[in-house]
Amino acid sequence: MKSQRPIISDDEHVVLKFQPRTSAHPPTRREESDPAKTPNIKTSNIKTPSIKAPPAASDLSRYERSRDEGDDFRHRMLANVAALAFTVALTAIGIWLAMSIADLRKTQDCVLMGRHDCARISVTPLG
């Protein structure tokens, strides 16, 4: 049996030059490679995209606070306590829901087996 390999022409290969971004010096323009300097690359099918200047890097100075400004410790702790209470309540509701679904599934399986003693009857002692 003959091994089959894909036929690849040189027209399908394009070499792109990527430059890493740095926050200190954002790229303002892309350097174009000179087709005469790069050997073995056909330039007849290479499409050069329109180059637009990227927007300036986001400045985070508007979120900075000066050292002189006091930290609202009480507000931050109240927010943390509220987040913890919400997480605990959500976890408790999730556990209760899982237990209820498991109990309903057990009761439904009992009924589907044809048994008659599936319902729980709570008995309170007299006296």
N, C-alpha and C. Protein backbone atom coordinates (compact mmCIF):
# COMPACT_ATOMS: atom_id res chain seq x y z
N MET A 1 0.84 -1.17 0.00
CA MET A 1 0.00 0.00 0.00
C MET A 1 0.89 1.24 0.00
N LYS A 2 0.57 2.18 -0.82
CA LYS A 2 1.34 3.39 -0.97
C LYS A 2 0.96 4.36 0.15
N SER A 3 1.95 4.99 0.77
CA SER A 3 1.62 5.96 1.82
C SER A 3 1.15 7.25 1.17
N GLN A 4 0.11 7.81 1.73
CA GLN A 4 -0.46 9.02 1.17
C GLN A 4 -0.05 10.21 2.03
N ARG A 5 0.56 11.16 1.39
CA ARG A 5 0.97 12.37 2.08
C ARG A 5 0.26 13.55 1.42
N PRO A 6 -0.11 14.53 2.20
CA PRO A 6 -0.77 15.68 1.59
C PRO A 6 0.20 16.46 0.71
N ILE A 7 -0.33 16.97 -0.37
CA ILE A 7 0.47 17.78 -1.26
C ILE A 7 0.40 19.22 -0.78
N ILE A 8 1.56 19.76 -0.44
CA ILE A 8 1.61 21.12 0.09
C ILE A 8 2.42 21.97 -0.87
N SER A 9 1.83 23.03 -1.31
CA SER A 9 2.55 23.93 -2.18
C SER A 9 3.13 25.08 -1.36
N ASP A 10 4.09 25.78 -1.94
CA ASP A 10 4.71 26.91 -1.24
C ASP A 10 3.76 28.09 -1.09
N ASP A 11 2.67 28.11 -1.86
CA ASP A 11 1.72 29.21 -1.78
C ASP A 11 0.94 29.22 -0.47
N GLU A 12 0.88 28.09 0.22
CA GLU A 12 0.08 27.99 1.45
C GLU A 12 0.83 28.45 2.69
N HIS A 13 2.13 28.68 2.57
CA HIS A 13 2.94 29.02 3.74
C HIS A 13 3.20 30.51 3.78
N VAL A 14 2.97 31.10 4.93
CA VAL A 14 3.22 32.52 5.13
C VAL A 14 3.98 32.66 6.44
N VAL A 15 5.04 33.43 6.44
CA VAL A 15 5.83 33.65 7.63
C VAL A 15 5.43 35.00 8.22
N LEU A 16 5.01 34.99 9.46
CA LEU A 16 4.62 36.22 10.15
C LEU A 16 5.61 36.51 11.25
N LYS A 17 5.97 37.76 11.41
CA LYS A 17 6.89 38.16 12.47
C LYS A 17 6.10 38.75 13.62
N PHE A 18 6.20 38.16 14.78
CA PHE A 18 5.49 38.64 15.97
C PHE A 18 6.49 39.28 16.92
N GLN A 19 6.10 40.40 17.48
CA GLN A 19 6.92 41.07 18.46
C GLN A 19 6.19 41.06 19.79
N PRO A 20 6.88 40.73 20.88
CA PRO A 20 6.20 40.71 22.18
C PRO A 20 5.80 42.11 22.60
N ARG A 21 4.67 42.19 23.30
CA ARG A 21 4.19 43.47 23.80
C ARG A 21 4.84 43.78 25.14
N THR A 22 5.10 45.02 25.35
CA THR A 22 5.58 45.46 26.66
C THR A 22 4.72 46.63 27.07
N SER A 23 4.45 46.73 28.36
CA SER A 23 3.59 47.81 28.84
C SER A 23 4.31 49.15 28.78
N ALA A 24 5.64 49.15 28.88
CA ALA A 24 6.37 50.40 28.87
C ALA A 24 6.41 51.02 27.48
N HIS A 25 6.51 50.18 26.47
CA HIS A 25 6.62 50.66 25.10
C HIS A 25 5.62 49.92 24.22
N PRO A 26 4.37 50.39 24.17
CA PRO A 26 3.39 49.71 23.32
C PRO A 26 3.76 49.90 21.85
N PRO A 27 3.54 48.87 21.02
CA PRO A 27 3.90 49.01 19.61
C PRO A 27 3.00 50.03 18.93
N THR A 28 3.62 50.93 18.17
CA THR A 28 2.85 51.94 17.47
C THR A 28 2.70 51.61 16.00
N ARG A 29 3.66 50.88 15.46
CA ARG A 29 3.54 50.46 14.06
C ARG A 29 4.22 49.11 13.91
N ARG A 30 3.83 48.40 12.88
CA ARG A 30 4.41 47.09 12.63
C ARG A 30 5.48 47.23 11.57
N GLU A 31 6.63 46.60 11.82
CA GLU A 31 7.70 46.65 10.83
C GLU A 31 7.38 45.67 9.72
N GLU A 32 7.46 46.15 8.52
CA GLU A 32 7.21 45.30 7.36
C GLU A 32 8.53 44.69 6.92
N SER A 33 8.51 43.44 6.59
CA SER A 33 9.72 42.80 6.10
C SER A 33 9.87 43.09 4.62
N ASP A 34 11.10 43.24 4.20
CA ASP A 34 11.39 43.54 2.81
C ASP A 34 11.38 42.23 2.04
N PRO A 35 10.54 42.06 1.00
CA PRO A 35 10.49 40.80 0.27
C PRO A 35 11.79 40.47 -0.43
N ALA A 36 12.60 41.48 -0.74
CA ALA A 36 13.87 41.20 -1.41
C ALA A 36 14.87 40.57 -0.46
N LYS A 37 14.74 40.85 0.86
CA LYS A 37 15.69 40.31 1.84
C LYS A 37 15.36 38.90 2.28
N THR A 38 14.14 38.45 2.13
CA THR A 38 13.75 37.12 2.59
C THR A 38 13.74 36.16 1.40
N PRO A 39 14.64 35.20 1.39
CA PRO A 39 14.70 34.26 0.27
C PRO A 39 13.63 33.18 0.41
N ASN A 40 13.28 32.54 -0.70
CA ASN A 40 12.37 31.39 -0.78
C ASN A 40 10.95 31.68 -0.32
N ILE A 41 10.52 32.92 -0.35
CA ILE A 41 9.14 33.24 0.00
C ILE A 41 8.51 33.90 -1.20
N LYS A 42 7.44 33.33 -1.67
CA LYS A 42 6.72 33.93 -2.79
C LYS A 42 5.81 35.01 -2.23
N THR A 43 5.91 36.20 -2.78
CA THR A 43 5.12 37.31 -2.28
C THR A 43 3.90 37.59 -3.12
N SER A 44 3.65 36.78 -4.11
CA SER A 44 2.51 37.07 -4.99
C SER A 44 1.18 36.84 -4.30
N ASN A 45 1.11 35.88 -3.36
CA ASN A 45 -0.16 35.57 -2.71
C ASN A 45 -0.23 36.09 -1.27
N ILE A 46 0.79 36.79 -0.81
CA ILE A 46 0.78 37.28 0.56
C ILE A 46 -0.02 38.56 0.61
N LYS A 47 -1.00 38.58 1.48
CA LYS A 47 -1.83 39.76 1.64
C LYS A 47 -1.39 40.48 2.90
N THR A 48 -1.11 41.75 2.79
CA THR A 48 -0.72 42.53 3.96
C THR A 48 -1.96 43.21 4.50
N PRO A 49 -2.27 43.00 5.77
CA PRO A 49 -3.45 43.62 6.36
C PRO A 49 -3.24 45.11 6.55
N SER A 50 -4.34 45.82 6.58
CA SER A 50 -4.22 47.25 6.84
C SER A 50 -3.78 47.44 8.28
N ILE A 51 -2.82 48.29 8.48
CA ILE A 51 -2.21 48.46 9.79
C ILE A 51 -2.78 49.71 10.44
N LYS A 52 -3.36 49.52 11.60
CA LYS A 52 -3.90 50.63 12.36
C LYS A 52 -3.11 50.73 13.65
N ALA A 53 -2.94 51.91 14.13
CA ALA A 53 -2.23 52.10 15.39
C ALA A 53 -3.12 51.59 16.53
N PRO A 54 -2.58 50.73 17.41
CA PRO A 54 -3.39 50.22 18.53
C PRO A 54 -3.67 51.33 19.52
N PRO A 55 -4.75 51.20 20.29
CA PRO A 55 -5.05 52.22 21.29
C PRO A 55 -3.98 52.23 22.37
N ALA A 56 -3.82 53.34 23.01
CA ALA A 56 -2.82 53.46 24.07
C ALA A 56 -3.13 52.47 25.18
N ALA A 57 -2.08 52.01 25.84
CA ALA A 57 -2.25 51.05 26.92
C ALA A 57 -3.10 51.67 28.03
N SER A 58 -3.92 50.85 28.64
CA SER A 58 -4.81 51.33 29.70
C SER A 58 -3.99 51.87 30.86
N ASP A 59 -4.35 53.02 31.32
CA ASP A 59 -3.66 53.63 32.44
C ASP A 59 -4.42 53.30 33.71
N LEU A 60 -3.76 52.66 34.65
CA LEU A 60 -4.40 52.22 35.89
C LEU A 60 -4.24 53.23 37.02
N SER A 61 -3.69 54.39 36.72
CA SER A 61 -3.45 55.37 37.78
C SER A 61 -4.74 55.89 38.38
N ARG A 62 -5.84 55.81 37.64
CA ARG A 62 -7.10 56.31 38.19
C ARG A 62 -7.62 55.43 39.32
N TYR A 63 -7.12 54.19 39.44
CA TYR A 63 -7.55 53.31 40.51
C TYR A 63 -6.62 53.36 41.72
N GLU A 64 -5.53 54.04 41.61
CA GLU A 64 -4.58 54.12 42.71
C GLU A 64 -5.07 55.14 43.74
N ARG A 65 -4.74 54.85 45.00
CA ARG A 65 -5.06 55.79 46.06
C ARG A 65 -3.77 56.28 46.69
N SER A 66 -3.79 57.47 47.16
CA SER A 66 -2.59 58.01 47.79
C SER A 66 -2.42 57.37 49.17
N ARG A 67 -1.21 57.41 49.66
CA ARG A 67 -0.91 56.82 50.97
C ARG A 67 -1.56 57.62 52.09
N ASP A 68 -1.82 58.88 51.85
CA ASP A 68 -2.42 59.73 52.88
C ASP A 68 -3.87 59.39 53.14
N GLU A 69 -4.53 58.83 52.12
CA GLU A 69 -5.95 58.49 52.24
C GLU A 69 -6.12 57.31 53.20
N GLY A 70 -7.05 57.42 54.12
CA GLY A 70 -7.28 56.34 55.07
C GLY A 70 -8.07 55.20 54.43
N ASP A 71 -7.84 53.99 54.92
CA ASP A 71 -8.56 52.83 54.41
C ASP A 71 -9.82 52.64 55.24
N ASP A 72 -10.94 52.41 54.59
CA ASP A 72 -12.21 52.22 55.29
C ASP A 72 -12.29 50.76 55.75
N PHE A 73 -11.63 50.48 56.86
CA PHE A 73 -11.51 49.12 57.37
C PHE A 73 -12.88 48.55 57.75
N ARG A 74 -13.71 49.35 58.39
CA ARG A 74 -15.03 48.86 58.83
C ARG A 74 -15.89 48.45 57.64
N HIS A 75 -15.92 49.26 56.61
CA HIS A 75 -16.72 48.93 55.42
C HIS A 75 -16.20 47.65 54.75
N ARG A 76 -14.89 47.51 54.67
CA ARG A 76 -14.30 46.32 54.05
C ARG A 76 -14.63 45.06 54.85
N MET A 77 -14.57 45.15 56.17
CA MET A 77 -14.88 43.98 57.01
C MET A 77 -16.36 43.63 56.93
N LEU A 78 -17.25 44.63 56.87
CA LEU A 78 -18.68 44.35 56.72
C LEU A 78 -18.96 43.67 55.38
N ALA A 79 -18.29 44.11 54.34
CA ALA A 79 -18.45 43.48 53.03
C ALA A 79 -17.95 42.03 53.06
N ASN A 80 -16.84 41.79 53.76
CA ASN A 80 -16.32 40.42 53.87
C ASN A 80 -17.26 39.52 54.66
N VAL A 81 -17.83 40.05 55.76
CA VAL A 81 -18.78 39.27 56.56
C VAL A 81 -20.04 38.97 55.75
N ALA A 82 -20.52 39.94 55.00
CA ALA A 82 -21.71 39.72 54.17
C ALA A 82 -21.42 38.67 53.09
N ALA A 83 -20.24 38.72 52.49
CA ALA A 83 -19.88 37.73 51.48
C ALA A 83 -19.77 36.34 52.10
N LEU A 84 -19.21 36.24 53.30
CA LEU A 84 -19.10 34.95 53.98
C LEU A 84 -20.49 34.41 54.34
N ALA A 85 -21.38 35.27 54.83
CA ALA A 85 -22.73 34.83 55.19
C ALA A 85 -23.49 34.35 53.95
N PHE A 86 -23.33 35.07 52.84
CA PHE A 86 -23.97 34.65 51.60
C PHE A 86 -23.43 33.30 51.13
N THR A 87 -22.13 33.09 51.22
CA THR A 87 -21.53 31.83 50.81
C THR A 87 -22.00 30.68 51.69
N VAL A 88 -22.07 30.89 53.00
CA VAL A 88 -22.54 29.85 53.92
C VAL A 88 -24.00 29.52 53.64
N ALA A 89 -24.84 30.55 53.44
CA ALA A 89 -26.26 30.31 53.16
C ALA A 89 -26.44 29.56 51.84
N LEU A 90 -25.68 29.94 50.84
CA LEU A 90 -25.77 29.26 49.55
C LEU A 90 -25.33 27.81 49.65
N THR A 91 -24.29 27.53 50.43
CA THR A 91 -23.83 26.16 50.64
C THR A 91 -24.87 25.34 51.40
N ALA A 92 -25.48 25.93 52.44
CA ALA A 92 -26.50 25.22 53.21
C ALA A 92 -27.72 24.90 52.35
N ILE A 93 -28.14 25.84 51.53
CA ILE A 93 -29.29 25.60 50.64
C ILE A 93 -28.95 24.50 49.63
N GLY A 94 -27.73 24.51 49.13
CA GLY A 94 -27.31 23.47 48.19
C GLY A 94 -27.31 22.09 48.82
N ILE A 95 -26.83 21.98 50.06
CA ILE A 95 -26.81 20.68 50.76
C ILE A 95 -28.24 20.23 51.04
N TRP A 96 -29.10 21.15 51.51
CA TRP A 96 -30.51 20.79 51.77
C TRP A 96 -31.20 20.33 50.49
N LEU A 97 -30.96 21.00 49.38
CA LEU A 97 -31.56 20.62 48.11
C LEU A 97 -31.08 19.25 47.65
N ALA A 98 -29.79 18.97 47.81
CA ALA A 98 -29.26 17.66 47.42
C ALA A 98 -29.87 16.55 48.28
N MET A 99 -30.01 16.79 49.58
CA MET A 99 -30.61 15.79 50.46
C MET A 99 -32.08 15.56 50.12
N SER A 100 -32.82 16.62 49.82
CA SER A 100 -34.23 16.50 49.45
C SER A 100 -34.39 15.71 48.16
N ILE A 101 -33.55 15.99 47.18
CA ILE A 101 -33.63 15.27 45.91
C ILE A 101 -33.30 13.79 46.11
N ALA A 102 -32.31 13.51 46.96
CA ALA A 102 -31.95 12.11 47.23
C ALA A 102 -33.10 11.39 47.94
N ASP A 103 -33.75 12.06 48.88
CA ASP A 103 -34.88 11.46 49.59
C ASP A 103 -36.06 11.20 48.65
N LEU A 104 -36.35 12.17 47.77
CA LEU A 104 -37.42 11.97 46.79
C LEU A 104 -37.11 10.83 45.84
N ARG A 105 -35.85 10.72 45.43
CA ARG A 105 -35.46 9.63 44.52
C ARG A 105 -35.62 8.27 45.21
N LYS A 106 -35.24 8.21 46.50
CA LYS A 106 -35.38 6.95 47.23
C LYS A 106 -36.85 6.56 47.37
N THR A 107 -37.70 7.54 47.68
CA THR A 107 -39.14 7.26 47.80
C THR A 107 -39.73 6.85 46.46
N GLN A 108 -39.33 7.51 45.40
CA GLN A 108 -39.85 7.18 44.07
C GLN A 108 -39.40 5.78 43.65
N ASP A 109 -38.16 5.42 43.94
CA ASP A 109 -37.69 4.07 43.61
C ASP A 109 -38.48 3.01 44.38
N CYS A 110 -38.79 3.32 45.65
CA CYS A 110 -39.56 2.38 46.46
C CYS A 110 -40.96 2.18 45.88
N VAL A 111 -41.61 3.28 45.48
CA VAL A 111 -42.96 3.19 44.91
C VAL A 111 -42.94 2.44 43.59
N LEU A 112 -41.93 2.71 42.76
CA LEU A 112 -41.84 2.05 41.46
C LEU A 112 -41.55 0.56 41.57
N MET A 113 -41.00 0.11 42.71
CA MET A 113 -40.79 -1.32 42.93
C MET A 113 -42.07 -2.02 43.37
N GLY A 114 -43.10 -1.23 43.66
CA GLY A 114 -44.39 -1.83 44.03
C GLY A 114 -44.57 -2.03 45.52
N ARG A 115 -43.72 -1.46 46.32
CA ARG A 115 -43.85 -1.60 47.76
C ARG A 115 -44.89 -0.63 48.30
N HIS A 116 -45.49 -0.98 49.43
CA HIS A 116 -46.56 -0.16 50.00
C HIS A 116 -46.12 0.60 51.26
N ASP A 117 -44.93 0.34 51.76
CA ASP A 117 -44.48 0.97 53.00
C ASP A 117 -43.38 2.01 52.74
N CYS A 118 -43.58 2.81 51.72
CA CYS A 118 -42.54 3.76 51.31
C CYS A 118 -42.60 5.08 52.07
N ALA A 119 -43.77 5.51 52.52
CA ALA A 119 -43.91 6.81 53.18
C ALA A 119 -43.39 6.73 54.60
N ARG A 120 -42.70 7.77 55.02
CA ARG A 120 -42.21 7.83 56.39
C ARG A 120 -43.34 8.30 57.30
N ILE A 121 -43.50 7.62 58.38
CA ILE A 121 -44.52 7.99 59.36
C ILE A 121 -43.79 8.31 60.65
N SER A 122 -43.92 9.54 61.10
CA SER A 122 -43.24 9.94 62.33
C SER A 122 -44.13 9.56 63.51
N VAL A 123 -43.53 8.90 64.47
CA VAL A 123 -44.27 8.46 65.65
C VAL A 123 -43.73 9.24 66.84
N THR A 124 -44.64 9.87 67.57
CA THR A 124 -44.25 10.59 68.77
C THR A 124 -44.65 9.75 69.98
N PRO A 125 -43.75 9.56 70.90
CA PRO A 125 -44.09 8.76 72.08
C PRO A 125 -45.06 9.50 72.99
N LEU A 126 -45.96 8.76 73.58
CA LEU A 126 -46.93 9.33 74.51
C LEU A 126 -46.32 9.39 75.89
N GLY A 127 -46.57 10.46 76.53
CA GLY A 127 -46.21 10.45 77.90
C GLY A 127 -45.29 11.43 78.37
